[in-house]
């Protein structure tokens, strides 16, 4: 995948990335519980990359191995994005809990 394709892919996912970053900084018990459940599923997946070789952005391991058909996302952020789902090419292993709009509404009510 070219650098331009990577930039486009990141741009398209910017809202979900920001959501994951926000939820990583402003920790909430329910989000952490969901993230823990999701990461336990990820650790059993054939696309789980602890080395960082298949990460879209270097040094963001563990990630979903882009070289094996995953999204390349940092799982510490993706699992905390409640509007994200697992992108496994053979079928999602976990689904989104909220739409992006629902997450935005909750965050605005919380002042985040």
PDB file of N, CA and C in Angstrom:
ATOM      1  N   UNK A   1       0.855  -1.170   0.000  1.00  0.00           N
ATOM      2  CA  UNK A   1       0.000   0.000   0.000  1.00  0.00           C
ATOM      3  C   UNK A   1       0.905   1.239   0.000  1.00  0.00           C
ATOM      4  N   UNK A   2       0.574   2.199  -0.829  1.00  0.00           N
ATOM      5  CA  UNK A   2       1.393   3.400  -0.953  1.00  0.00           C
ATOM      6  C   UNK A   2       1.144   4.362   0.210  1.00  0.00           C
ATOM      7  N   UNK A   3       2.043   5.316   0.369  1.00  0.00           N
ATOM      8  CA  UNK A   3       1.879   6.332   1.415  1.00  0.00           C
ATOM      9  C   UNK A   3       0.608   7.142   1.200  1.00  0.00           C
ATOM     10  N   UNK A   4       0.294   7.459  -0.042  1.00  0.00           N
ATOM     11  CA  UNK A   4      -0.921   8.208  -0.341  1.00  0.00           C
ATOM     12  C   UNK A   4      -2.160   7.413   0.062  1.00  0.00           C
ATOM     13  N   UNK A   5      -2.184   6.132  -0.236  1.00  0.00           N
ATOM     14  CA  UNK A   5      -3.316   5.283   0.147  1.00  0.00           C
ATOM     15  C   UNK A   5      -3.444   5.224   1.672  1.00  0.00           C
ATOM     16  N   UNK A   6      -2.314   5.161   2.369  1.00  0.00           N
ATOM     17  CA  UNK A   6      -2.336   5.157   3.833  1.00  0.00           C
ATOM     18  C   UNK A   6      -2.928   6.447   4.377  1.00  0.00           C
ATOM     19  N   UNK A   7      -2.523   7.574   3.811  1.00  0.00           N
ATOM     20  CA  UNK A   7      -3.026   8.877   4.254  1.00  0.00           C
ATOM     21  C   UNK A   7      -4.535   8.960   4.022  1.00  0.00           C
ATOM     22  N   UNK A   8      -4.994   8.508   2.882  1.00  0.00           N
ATOM     23  CA  UNK A   8      -6.426   8.521   2.575  1.00  0.00           C
ATOM     24  C   UNK A   8      -7.186   7.633   3.553  1.00  0.00           C
ATOM     25  N   UNK A   9      -6.649   6.479   3.835  1.00  0.00           N
ATOM     26  CA  UNK A   9      -7.290   5.547   4.765  1.00  0.00           C
ATOM     27  C   UNK A   9      -7.381   6.154   6.174  1.00  0.00           C
ATOM     28  N   UNK A  10      -6.316   6.798   6.609  1.00  0.00           N
ATOM     29  CA  UNK A  10      -6.313   7.448   7.921  1.00  0.00           C
ATOM     30  C   UNK A  10      -7.311   8.595   7.939  1.00  0.00           C
ATOM     31  N   UNK A  11      -7.344   9.389   6.885  1.00  0.00           N
ATOM     32  CA  UNK A  11      -8.274  10.529   6.819  1.00  0.00           C
ATOM     33  C   UNK A  11      -9.723  10.057   6.921  1.00  0.00           C
ATOM     34  N   UNK A  12     -10.050   8.984   6.234  1.00  0.00           N
ATOM     35  CA  UNK A  12     -11.418   8.469   6.263  1.00  0.00           C
ATOM     36  C   UNK A  12     -11.811   7.968   7.656  1.00  0.00           C
ATOM     37  N   UNK A  13     -10.830   7.517   8.426  1.00  0.00           N
ATOM     38  CA  UNK A  13     -11.107   6.975   9.766  1.00  0.00           C
ATOM     39  C   UNK A  13     -10.812   7.978  10.872  1.00  0.00           C
ATOM     40  N   UNK A  14     -10.599   9.241  10.522  1.00  0.00           N
ATOM     41  CA  UNK A  14     -10.152  10.234  11.506  1.00  0.00           C
ATOM     42  C   UNK A  14     -11.099  10.378  12.697  1.00  0.00           C
ATOM     43  N   UNK A  15     -12.408  10.307  12.461  1.00  0.00           N
ATOM     44  CA  UNK A  15     -13.358  10.445  13.567  1.00  0.00           C
ATOM     45  C   UNK A  15     -13.240   9.287  14.553  1.00  0.00           C
ATOM     46  N   UNK A  16     -13.099   8.084  14.027  1.00  0.00           N
ATOM     47  CA  UNK A  16     -12.966   6.925  14.899  1.00  0.00           C
ATOM     48  C   UNK A  16     -11.614   6.933  15.617  1.00  0.00           C
ATOM     49  N   UNK A  17     -10.578   7.396  14.938  1.00  0.00           N
ATOM     50  CA  UNK A  17      -9.262   7.502  15.573  1.00  0.00           C
ATOM     51  C   UNK A  17      -9.321   8.508  16.716  1.00  0.00           C
ATOM     52  N   UNK A  18      -9.913   9.659  16.464  1.00  0.00           N
ATOM     53  CA  UNK A  18     -10.052  10.682  17.501  1.00  0.00           C
ATOM     54  C   UNK A  18     -10.873  10.157  18.680  1.00  0.00           C
ATOM     55  N   UNK A  19     -11.921   9.411  18.383  1.00  0.00           N
ATOM     56  CA  UNK A  19     -12.741   8.811  19.440  1.00  0.00           C
ATOM     57  C   UNK A  19     -11.901   7.865  20.293  1.00  0.00           C
ATOM     58  N   UNK A  20     -11.079   7.035  19.650  1.00  0.00           N
ATOM     59  CA  UNK A  20     -10.207   6.109  20.389  1.00  0.00           C
ATOM     60  C   UNK A  20      -9.183   6.846  21.230  1.00  0.00           C
ATOM     61  N   UNK A  21      -8.601   7.910  20.679  1.00  0.00           N
ATOM     62  CA  UNK A  21      -7.632   8.715  21.429  1.00  0.00           C
ATOM     63  C   UNK A  21      -8.307   9.369  22.633  1.00  0.00           C
ATOM     64  N   UNK A  22      -9.473   9.973  22.398  1.00  0.00           N
ATOM     65  CA  UNK A  22     -10.220  10.631  23.484  1.00  0.00           C
ATOM     66  C   UNK A  22     -10.550   9.643  24.595  1.00  0.00           C
ATOM     67  N   UNK A  23     -11.039   8.458  24.211  1.00  0.00           N
ATOM     68  CA  UNK A  23     -11.391   7.451  25.210  1.00  0.00           C
ATOM     69  C   UNK A  23     -10.170   6.852  25.897  1.00  0.00           C
ATOM     70  N   UNK A  24      -8.998   6.962  25.271  1.00  0.00           N
ATOM     71  CA  UNK A  24      -7.763   6.505  25.915  1.00  0.00           C
ATOM     72  C   UNK A  24      -7.285   7.514  26.958  1.00  0.00           C
ATOM     73  N   UNK A  25      -7.540   8.784  26.702  1.00  0.00           N
ATOM     74  CA  UNK A  25      -7.107   9.849  27.622  1.00  0.00           C
ATOM     75  C   UNK A  25      -8.114  10.030  28.751  1.00  0.00           C
ATOM     76  N   UNK A  26      -9.381  10.153  28.377  1.00  0.00           N
ATOM     77  CA  UNK A  26     -10.458  10.348  29.357  1.00  0.00           C
ATOM     78  C   UNK A  26     -11.129   9.005  29.599  1.00  0.00           C
ATOM     79  N   UNK A  27     -10.522   8.213  30.441  1.00  0.00           N
ATOM     80  CA  UNK A  27     -10.981   6.839  30.647  1.00  0.00           C
ATOM     81  C   UNK A  27     -12.324   6.791  31.364  1.00  0.00           C
ATOM     82  N   UNK A  28     -13.175   5.907  30.840  1.00  0.00           N
ATOM     83  CA  UNK A  28     -14.488   5.651  31.432  1.00  0.00           C
ATOM     84  C   UNK A  28     -14.578   4.144  31.666  1.00  0.00           C
ATOM     85  N   UNK A  29     -15.120   3.776  32.806  1.00  0.00           N
ATOM     86  CA  UNK A  29     -15.152   2.369  33.196  1.00  0.00           C
ATOM     87  C   UNK A  29     -15.837   1.479  32.154  1.00  0.00           C
ATOM     88  N   UNK A  30     -16.962   1.925  31.623  1.00  0.00           N
ATOM     89  CA  UNK A  30     -17.684   1.095  30.654  1.00  0.00           C
ATOM     90  C   UNK A  30     -16.894   0.920  29.353  1.00  0.00           C
ATOM     91  N   UNK A  31     -16.229   1.983  28.923  1.00  0.00           N
ATOM     92  CA  UNK A  31     -15.418   1.895  27.699  1.00  0.00           C
ATOM     93  C   UNK A  31     -14.236   0.957  27.926  1.00  0.00           C
ATOM     94  N   UNK A  32     -13.597   1.050  29.083  1.00  0.00           N
ATOM     95  CA  UNK A  32     -12.464   0.184  29.394  1.00  0.00           C
ATOM     96  C   UNK A  32     -12.882  -1.281  29.458  1.00  0.00           C
ATOM     97  N   UNK A  33     -14.084  -1.535  29.950  1.00  0.00           N
ATOM     98  CA  UNK A  33     -14.595  -2.901  30.009  1.00  0.00           C
ATOM     99  C   UNK A  33     -14.810  -3.459  28.598  1.00  0.00           C
ATOM    100  N   UNK A  34     -15.398  -2.651  27.733  1.00  0.00           N
ATOM    101  CA  UNK A  34     -15.609  -3.066  26.339  1.00  0.00           C
ATOM    102  C   UNK A  34     -14.271  -3.266  25.641  1.00  0.00           C
ATOM    103  N   UNK A  35     -13.333  -2.339  25.852  1.00  0.00           N
ATOM    104  CA  UNK A  35     -12.003  -2.450  25.225  1.00  0.00           C
ATOM    105  C   UNK A  35     -11.299  -3.728  25.677  1.00  0.00           C
ATOM    106  N   UNK A  36     -11.412  -4.076  26.951  1.00  0.00           N
ATOM    107  CA  UNK A  36     -10.777  -5.295  27.470  1.00  0.00           C
ATOM    108  C   UNK A  36     -11.386  -6.543  26.823  1.00  0.00           C
ATOM    109  N   UNK A  37     -12.705  -6.556  26.657  1.00  0.00           N
ATOM    110  CA  UNK A  37     -13.362  -7.688  25.992  1.00  0.00           C
ATOM    111  C   UNK A  37     -12.910  -7.789  24.541  1.00  0.00           C
ATOM    112  N   UNK A  38     -12.854  -6.647  23.872  1.00  0.00           N
ATOM    113  CA  UNK A  38     -12.452  -6.632  22.458  1.00  0.00           C
ATOM    114  C   UNK A  38     -11.004  -7.084  22.288  1.00  0.00           C
ATOM    115  N   UNK A  39     -10.098  -6.571  23.111  1.00  0.00           N
ATOM    116  CA  UNK A  39      -8.681  -6.921  22.946  1.00  0.00           C
ATOM    117  C   UNK A  39      -8.449  -8.399  23.241  1.00  0.00           C
ATOM    118  N   UNK A  40      -9.243  -8.980  24.131  1.00  0.00           N
ATOM    119  CA  UNK A  40      -9.095 -10.414  24.391  1.00  0.00           C
ATOM    120  C   UNK A  40      -9.468 -11.226  23.147  1.00  0.00           C
ATOM    121  N   UNK A  41     -10.464 -10.748  22.395  1.00  0.00           N
ATOM    122  CA  UNK A  41     -10.834 -11.386  21.127  1.00  0.00           C
ATOM    123  C   UNK A  41      -9.701 -11.189  20.117  1.00  0.00           C
ATOM    124  N   UNK A  42      -9.168  -9.983  20.052  1.00  0.00           N
ATOM    125  CA  UNK A  42      -8.093  -9.669  19.103  1.00  0.00           C
ATOM    126  C   UNK A  42      -6.855 -10.538  19.332  1.00  0.00           C
ATOM    127  N   UNK A  43      -6.535 -10.777  20.590  1.00  0.00           N
ATOM    128  CA  UNK A  43      -5.334 -11.566  20.915  1.00  0.00           C
ATOM    129  C   UNK A  43      -5.420 -12.992  20.377  1.00  0.00           C
ATOM    130  N   UNK A  44      -6.624 -13.477  20.145  1.00  0.00           N
ATOM    131  CA  UNK A  44      -6.821 -14.826  19.609  1.00  0.00           C
ATOM    132  C   UNK A  44      -6.902 -14.841  18.083  1.00  0.00           C
ATOM    133  N   UNK A  45      -6.874 -13.671  17.456  1.00  0.00           N
ATOM    134  CA  UNK A  45      -7.081 -13.531  16.016  1.00  0.00           C
ATOM    135  C   UNK A  45      -5.786 -13.745  15.228  1.00  0.00           C
ATOM    136  N   UNK A  46      -5.928 -14.283  14.028  1.00  0.00           N
ATOM    137  CA  UNK A  46      -4.791 -14.500  13.137  1.00  0.00           C
ATOM    138  C   UNK A  46      -4.187 -13.184  12.626  1.00  0.00           C
ATOM    139  N   UNK A  47      -4.888 -12.068  12.767  1.00  0.00           N
ATOM    140  CA  UNK A  47      -4.382 -10.772  12.306  1.00  0.00           C
ATOM    141  C   UNK A  47      -3.717  -9.960  13.421  1.00  0.00           C
ATOM    142  N   UNK A  48      -3.703 -10.476  14.631  1.00  0.00           N
ATOM    143  CA  UNK A  48      -3.117  -9.766  15.772  1.00  0.00           C
ATOM    144  C   UNK A  48      -1.602  -9.673  15.581  1.00  0.00           C
ATOM    145  N   UNK A  49      -1.094  -8.446  15.566  1.00  0.00           N
ATOM    146  CA  UNK A  49       0.334  -8.198  15.319  1.00  0.00           C
ATOM    147  C   UNK A  49       0.943  -7.456  16.499  1.00  0.00           C
ATOM    148  N   UNK A  50       1.705  -8.156  17.288  1.00  0.00           N
ATOM    149  CA  UNK A  50       2.368  -7.553  18.444  1.00  0.00           C
ATOM    150  C   UNK A  50       3.718  -6.937  18.048  1.00  0.00           C
ATOM    151  N   UNK A  51       4.276  -7.379  16.923  1.00  0.00           N
ATOM    152  CA  UNK A  51       5.592  -6.896  16.496  1.00  0.00           C
ATOM    153  C   UNK A  51       5.542  -5.499  15.890  1.00  0.00           C
ATOM    154  N   UNK A  52       4.402  -5.136  15.324  1.00  0.00           N
ATOM    155  CA  UNK A  52       4.269  -3.834  14.676  1.00  0.00           C
ATOM    156  C   UNK A  52       4.597  -3.847  13.205  1.00  0.00           C
ATOM    157  N   UNK A  53       4.980  -4.992  12.683  1.00  0.00           N
ATOM    158  CA  UNK A  53       5.351  -5.101  11.272  1.00  0.00           C
ATOM    159  C   UNK A  53       4.186  -4.762  10.344  1.00  0.00           C
ATOM    160  N   UNK A  54       2.966  -5.099  10.753  1.00  0.00           N
ATOM    161  CA  UNK A  54       1.810  -4.866   9.903  1.00  0.00           C
ATOM    162  C   UNK A  54       0.964  -3.681  10.318  1.00  0.00           C
ATOM    163  N   UNK A  55       1.547  -2.773  11.094  1.00  0.00           N
ATOM    164  CA  UNK A  55       0.798  -1.581  11.531  1.00  0.00           C
ATOM    165  C   UNK A  55       0.806  -0.513  10.448  1.00  0.00           C
ATOM    166  N   UNK A  56      -0.304   0.151  10.273  1.00  0.00           N
ATOM    167  CA  UNK A  56      -0.417   1.237   9.302  1.00  0.00           C
ATOM    168  C   UNK A  56       0.519   2.381   9.689  1.00  0.00           C
ATOM    169  N   UNK A  57       0.587   2.676  10.979  1.00  0.00           N
ATOM    170  CA  UNK A  57       1.498   3.699  11.491  1.00  0.00           C
ATOM    171  C   UNK A  57       2.538   2.998  12.360  1.00  0.00           C
ATOM    172  N   UNK A  58       3.816   3.151  12.050  1.00  0.00           N
ATOM    173  CA  UNK A  58       4.860   2.473  12.821  1.00  0.00           C
ATOM    174  C   UNK A  58       4.775   2.784  14.321  1.00  0.00           C
ATOM    175  N   UNK A  59       5.164   1.814  15.116  1.00  0.00           N
ATOM    176  CA  UNK A  59       5.243   1.933  16.578  1.00  0.00           C
ATOM    177  C   UNK A  59       3.879   2.054  17.247  1.00  0.00           C
ATOM    178  N   UNK A  60       2.824   1.503  16.619  1.00  0.00           N
ATOM    179  CA  UNK A  60       1.500   1.550  17.232  1.00  0.00           C
ATOM    180  C   UNK A  60       0.991   0.152  17.592  1.00  0.00           C
ATOM    181  N   UNK A  61       1.899  -0.805  17.695  1.00  0.00           N
ATOM    182  CA  UNK A  61       1.516  -2.180  18.051  1.00  0.00           C
ATOM    183  C   UNK A  61       0.997  -2.218  19.481  1.00  0.00           C
ATOM    184  N   UNK A  62       0.119  -3.163  19.761  1.00  0.00           N
ATOM    185  CA  UNK A  62      -0.388  -4.173  18.844  1.00  0.00           C
ATOM    186  C   UNK A  62      -1.382  -3.570  17.860  1.00  0.00           C
ATOM    187  N   UNK A  63      -1.429  -4.184  16.690  1.00  0.00           N
ATOM    188  CA  UNK A  63      -2.327  -3.687  15.658  1.00  0.00           C
ATOM    189  C   UNK A  63      -2.954  -4.850  14.909  1.00  0.00           C
ATOM    190  N   UNK A  64      -3.850  -4.517  14.014  1.00  0.00           N
ATOM    191  CA  UNK A  64      -4.528  -5.478  13.152  1.00  0.00           C
ATOM    192  C   UNK A  64      -3.739  -5.521  11.839  1.00  0.00           C
ATOM    193  N   UNK A  65      -3.005  -6.575  11.621  1.00  0.00           N
ATOM    194  CA  UNK A  65      -1.997  -6.691  10.566  1.00  0.00           C
ATOM    195  C   UNK A  65      -2.526  -6.383   9.167  1.00  0.00           C
ATOM    196  N   UNK A  66      -2.123  -5.229   8.644  1.00  0.00           N
ATOM    197  CA  UNK A  66      -2.559  -4.790   7.318  1.00  0.00           C
ATOM    198  C   UNK A  66      -1.967  -5.661   6.217  1.00  0.00           C
ATOM    199  N   UNK A  67      -0.804  -6.230   6.470  1.00  0.00           N
ATOM    200  CA  UNK A  67      -0.152  -7.068   5.461  1.00  0.00           C
ATOM    201  C   UNK A  67      -0.866  -8.410   5.280  1.00  0.00           C
ATOM    202  N   UNK A  68      -1.708  -8.768   6.253  1.00  0.00           N
ATOM    203  CA  UNK A  68      -2.464 -10.018   6.191  1.00  0.00           C
ATOM    204  C   UNK A  68      -3.954  -9.778   5.921  1.00  0.00           C
ATOM    205  N   UNK A  69      -4.319  -8.533   5.584  1.00  0.00           N
ATOM    206  CA  UNK A  69      -5.707  -8.229   5.242  1.00  0.00           C
ATOM    207  C   UNK A  69      -6.456  -7.447   6.301  1.00  0.00           C
ATOM    208  N   UNK A  70      -5.789  -7.099   7.415  1.00  0.00           N
ATOM    209  CA  UNK A  70      -6.421  -6.302   8.460  1.00  0.00           C
ATOM    210  C   UNK A  70      -6.399  -4.825   8.122  1.00  0.00           C
ATOM    211  N   UNK A  71      -6.808  -4.010   9.073  1.00  0.00           N
ATOM    212  CA  UNK A  71      -6.897  -2.567   8.835  1.00  0.00           C
ATOM    213  C   UNK A  71      -5.599  -1.831   9.155  1.00  0.00           C
ATOM    214  N   UNK A  72      -4.718  -2.428   9.939  1.00  0.00           N
ATOM    215  CA  UNK A  72      -3.462  -1.772  10.315  1.00  0.00           C
ATOM    216  C   UNK A  72      -3.600  -0.847  11.505  1.00  0.00           C
ATOM    217  N   UNK A  73      -4.782  -0.782  12.091  1.00  0.00           N
ATOM    218  CA  UNK A  73      -5.042   0.140  13.201  1.00  0.00           C
ATOM    219  C   UNK A  73      -4.380  -0.302  14.501  1.00  0.00           C
ATOM    220  N   UNK A  74      -4.033   0.682  15.305  1.00  0.00           N
ATOM    221  CA  UNK A  74      -3.586   0.433  16.666  1.00  0.00           C
ATOM    222  C   UNK A  74      -4.774  -0.107  17.444  1.00  0.00           C
ATOM    223  N   UNK A  75      -4.627  -1.267  18.039  1.00  0.00           N
ATOM    224  CA  UNK A  75      -5.750  -1.873  18.754  1.00  0.00           C
ATOM    225  C   UNK A  75      -6.017  -1.201  20.092  1.00  0.00           C
ATOM    226  N   UNK A  76      -5.027  -0.524  20.653  1.00  0.00           N
ATOM    227  CA  UNK A  76      -5.286   0.202  21.900  1.00  0.00           C
ATOM    228  C   UNK A  76      -6.250   1.357  21.657  1.00  0.00           C
ATOM    229  N   UNK A  77      -6.273   1.886  20.443  1.00  0.00           N
ATOM    230  CA  UNK A  77      -7.225   2.945  20.090  1.00  0.00           C
ATOM    231  C   UNK A  77      -8.512   2.370  19.495  1.00  0.00           C
ATOM    232  N   UNK A  78      -8.377   1.430  18.571  1.00  0.00           N
ATOM    233  CA  UNK A  78      -9.550   0.890  17.877  1.00  0.00           C
ATOM    234  C   UNK A  78     -10.520   0.229  18.850  1.00  0.00           C
ATOM    235  N   UNK A  79      -9.997  -0.502  19.832  1.00  0.00           N
ATOM    236  CA  UNK A  79     -10.885  -1.188  20.775  1.00  0.00           C
ATOM    237  C   UNK A  79     -11.606  -0.208  21.693  1.00  0.00           C
ATOM    238  N   UNK A  80     -11.105   1.014  21.813  1.00  0.00           N
ATOM    239  CA  UNK A  80     -11.754   2.048  22.635  1.00  0.00           C
ATOM    240  C   UNK A  80     -12.680   2.956  21.825  1.00  0.00           C
ATOM    241  N   UNK A  81     -12.722   2.756  20.541  1.00  0.00           N
ATOM    242  CA  UNK A  81     -13.638   3.517  19.684  1.00  0.00           C
ATOM    243  C   UNK A  81     -14.943   2.734  19.599  1.00  0.00           C
ATOM    244  N   UNK A  82     -15.941   3.186  20.332  1.00  0.00           N
ATOM    245  CA  UNK A  82     -17.200   2.449  20.401  1.00  0.00           C
ATOM    246  C   UNK A  82     -17.969   2.461  19.086  1.00  0.00           C
ATOM    247  N   UNK A  83     -17.608   3.354  18.174  1.00  0.00           N
ATOM    248  CA  UNK A  83     -18.260   3.381  16.870  1.00  0.00           C
ATOM    249  C   UNK A  83     -17.496   2.544  15.838  1.00  0.00           C
ATOM    250  N   UNK A  84     -16.431   1.875  16.264  1.00  0.00           N
ATOM    251  CA  UNK A  84     -15.664   1.006  15.370  1.00  0.00           C
ATOM    252  C   UNK A  84     -16.093  -0.441  15.532  1.00  0.00           C
ATOM    253  N   UNK A  85     -15.938  -1.201  14.469  1.00  0.00           N
ATOM    254  CA  UNK A  85     -16.167  -2.641  14.520  1.00  0.00           C
ATOM    255  C   UNK A  85     -14.907  -3.339  14.016  1.00  0.00           C
ATOM    256  N   UNK A  86     -14.816  -4.605  14.288  1.00  0.00           N
ATOM    257  CA  UNK A  86     -13.678  -5.398  13.822  1.00  0.00           C
ATOM    258  C   UNK A  86     -13.746  -5.510  12.297  1.00  0.00           C
ATOM    259  N   UNK A  87     -12.628  -5.230  11.614  1.00  0.00           N
ATOM    260  CA  UNK A  87     -12.652  -5.256  10.152  1.00  0.00           C
ATOM    261  C   UNK A  87     -12.168  -6.574   9.536  1.00  0.00           C
ATOM    262  N   UNK A  88     -12.177  -7.653  10.301  1.00  0.00           N
ATOM    263  CA  UNK A  88     -11.626  -8.916   9.791  1.00  0.00           C
ATOM    264  C   UNK A  88     -12.255  -9.265   8.444  1.00  0.00           C
ATOM    265  N   UNK A  89     -11.421  -9.583   7.453  1.00  0.00           N
ATOM    266  CA  UNK A  89     -11.946  -9.854   6.110  1.00  0.00           C
ATOM    267  C   UNK A  89     -12.888 -11.065   6.041  1.00  0.00           C
ATOM    268  N   UNK A  90     -12.811 -11.968   7.019  1.00  0.00           N
ATOM    269  CA  UNK A  90     -13.683 -13.145   7.023  1.00  0.00           C
ATOM    270  C   UNK A  90     -14.928 -12.923   7.881  1.00  0.00           C
ATOM    271  N   UNK A  91     -15.091 -11.703   8.374  1.00  0.00           N
ATOM    272  CA  UNK A  91     -16.260 -11.391   9.194  1.00  0.00           C
ATOM    273  C   UNK A  91     -15.856 -10.773  10.516  1.00  0.00           C
ATOM    274  N   UNK A  92     -16.588  -9.771  10.903  1.00  0.00           N
ATOM    275  CA  UNK A  92     -16.304  -9.023  12.125  1.00  0.00           C
ATOM    276  C   UNK A  92     -16.344  -9.936  13.345  1.00  0.00           C
ATOM    277  N   UNK A  93     -15.369  -9.780  14.218  1.00  0.00           N
ATOM    278  CA  UNK A  93     -15.320 -10.558  15.451  1.00  0.00           C
ATOM    279  C   UNK A  93     -15.938  -9.796  16.610  1.00  0.00           C
ATOM    280  N   UNK A  94     -16.143  -8.481  16.440  1.00  0.00           N
ATOM    281  CA  UNK A  94     -16.894  -7.657  17.390  1.00  0.00           C
ATOM    282  C   UNK A  94     -17.456  -6.458  16.638  1.00  0.00           C
ATOM    283  N   UNK A  95     -18.638  -6.049  17.068  1.00  0.00           N
ATOM    284  CA  UNK A  95     -19.386  -5.001  16.368  1.00  0.00           C
ATOM    285  C   UNK A  95     -19.283  -3.651  17.079  1.00  0.00           C
ATOM    286  N   UNK A  96     -19.638  -2.605  16.368  1.00  0.00           N
ATOM    287  CA  UNK A  96     -19.708  -1.264  16.949  1.00  0.00           C
ATOM    288  C   UNK A  96     -20.807  -1.230  18.001  1.00  0.00           C
ATOM    289  N   UNK A  97     -20.548  -0.517  19.076  1.00  0.00           N
ATOM    290  CA  UNK A  97     -21.540  -0.354  20.145  1.00  0.00           C
ATOM    291  C   UNK A  97     -22.443   0.843  19.870  1.00  0.00           C
ATOM    292  N   UNK A  98     -21.901   1.844  19.196  1.00  0.00           N
ATOM    293  CA  UNK A  98     -22.610   3.091  18.899  1.00  0.00           C
ATOM    294  C   UNK A  98     -22.288   3.533  17.482  1.00  0.00           C
ATOM    295  N   UNK A  99     -23.154   4.350  16.918  1.00  0.00           N
ATOM    296  CA  UNK A  99     -22.800   5.006  15.666  1.00  0.00           C
ATOM    297  C   UNK A  99     -21.896   6.189  16.013  1.00  0.00           C
ATOM    298  N   UNK A 100     -21.226   6.743  15.045  1.00  0.00           N
ATOM    299  CA  UNK A 100     -20.384   7.927  15.273  1.00  0.00           C
ATOM    300  C   UNK A 100     -21.220   9.086  15.804  1.00  0.00           C
ATOM    301  N   UNK A 101     -22.435   9.241  15.277  1.00  0.00           N
ATOM    302  CA  UNK A 101     -23.324  10.324  15.736  1.00  0.00           C
ATOM    303  C   UNK A 101     -23.724  10.136  17.195  1.00  0.00           C
ATOM    304  N   UNK A 102     -24.029   8.913  17.590  1.00  0.00           N
ATOM    305  CA  UNK A 102     -24.383   8.643  18.986  1.00  0.00           C
ATOM    306  C   UNK A 102     -23.211   8.936  19.919  1.00  0.00           C
ATOM    307  N   UNK A 103     -22.014   8.543  19.499  1.00  0.00           N
ATOM    308  CA  UNK A 103     -20.817   8.811  20.312  1.00  0.00           C
ATOM    309  C   UNK A 103     -20.576  10.311  20.433  1.00  0.00           C
ATOM    310  N   UNK A 104     -20.743  11.054  19.342  1.00  0.00           N
ATOM    311  CA  UNK A 104     -20.581  12.512  19.369  1.00  0.00           C
ATOM    312  C   UNK A 104     -21.581  13.156  20.327  1.00  0.00           C
ATOM    313  N   UNK A 105     -22.815  12.692  20.298  1.00  0.00           N
ATOM    314  CA  UNK A 105     -23.853  13.227  21.180  1.00  0.00           C
ATOM    315  C   UNK A 105     -23.508  12.986  22.650  1.00  0.00           C
ATOM    316  N   UNK A 106     -23.071  11.789  22.969  1.00  0.00           N
ATOM    317  CA  UNK A 106     -22.675  11.471  24.344  1.00  0.00           C
ATOM    318  C   UNK A 106     -21.504  12.342  24.772  1.00  0.00           C
ATOM    319  N   UNK A 107     -20.494  12.448  23.923  1.00  0.00           N
ATOM    320  CA  UNK A 107     -19.321  13.261  24.267  1.00  0.00           C
ATOM    321  C   UNK A 107     -19.673  14.724  24.436  1.00  0.00           C
ATOM    322  N   UNK A 108     -20.590  15.241  23.608  1.00  0.00           N
ATOM    323  CA  UNK A 108     -20.975  16.646  23.757  1.00  0.00           C
ATOM    324  C   UNK A 108     -21.725  16.856  25.076  1.00  0.00           C
ATOM    325  N   UNK A 109     -22.540  15.905  25.475  1.00  0.00           N
ATOM    326  CA  UNK A 109     -23.253  16.001  26.747  1.00  0.00           C
ATOM    327  C   UNK A 109     -22.298  15.904  27.930  1.00  0.00           C
ATOM    328  N   UNK A 110     -21.190  15.177  27.731  1.00  0.00           N
ATOM    329  CA  UNK A 110     -20.182  15.053  28.797  1.00  0.00           C
ATOM    330  C   UNK A 110     -19.173  16.202  28.769  1.00  0.00           C
ATOM    331  N   UNK A 111     -19.259  17.036  27.740  1.00  0.00           N
ATOM    332  CA  UNK A 111     -18.329  18.146  27.612  1.00  0.00           C
ATOM    333  C   UNK A 111     -16.972  17.741  27.092  1.00  0.00           C
ATOM    334  N   UNK A 112     -16.902  16.647  26.340  1.00  0.00           N
ATOM    335  CA  UNK A 112     -15.618  16.163  25.783  1.00  0.00           C
ATOM    336  C   UNK A 112     -15.508  16.527  24.321  1.00  0.00           C
TER     337      UNK A 112
END
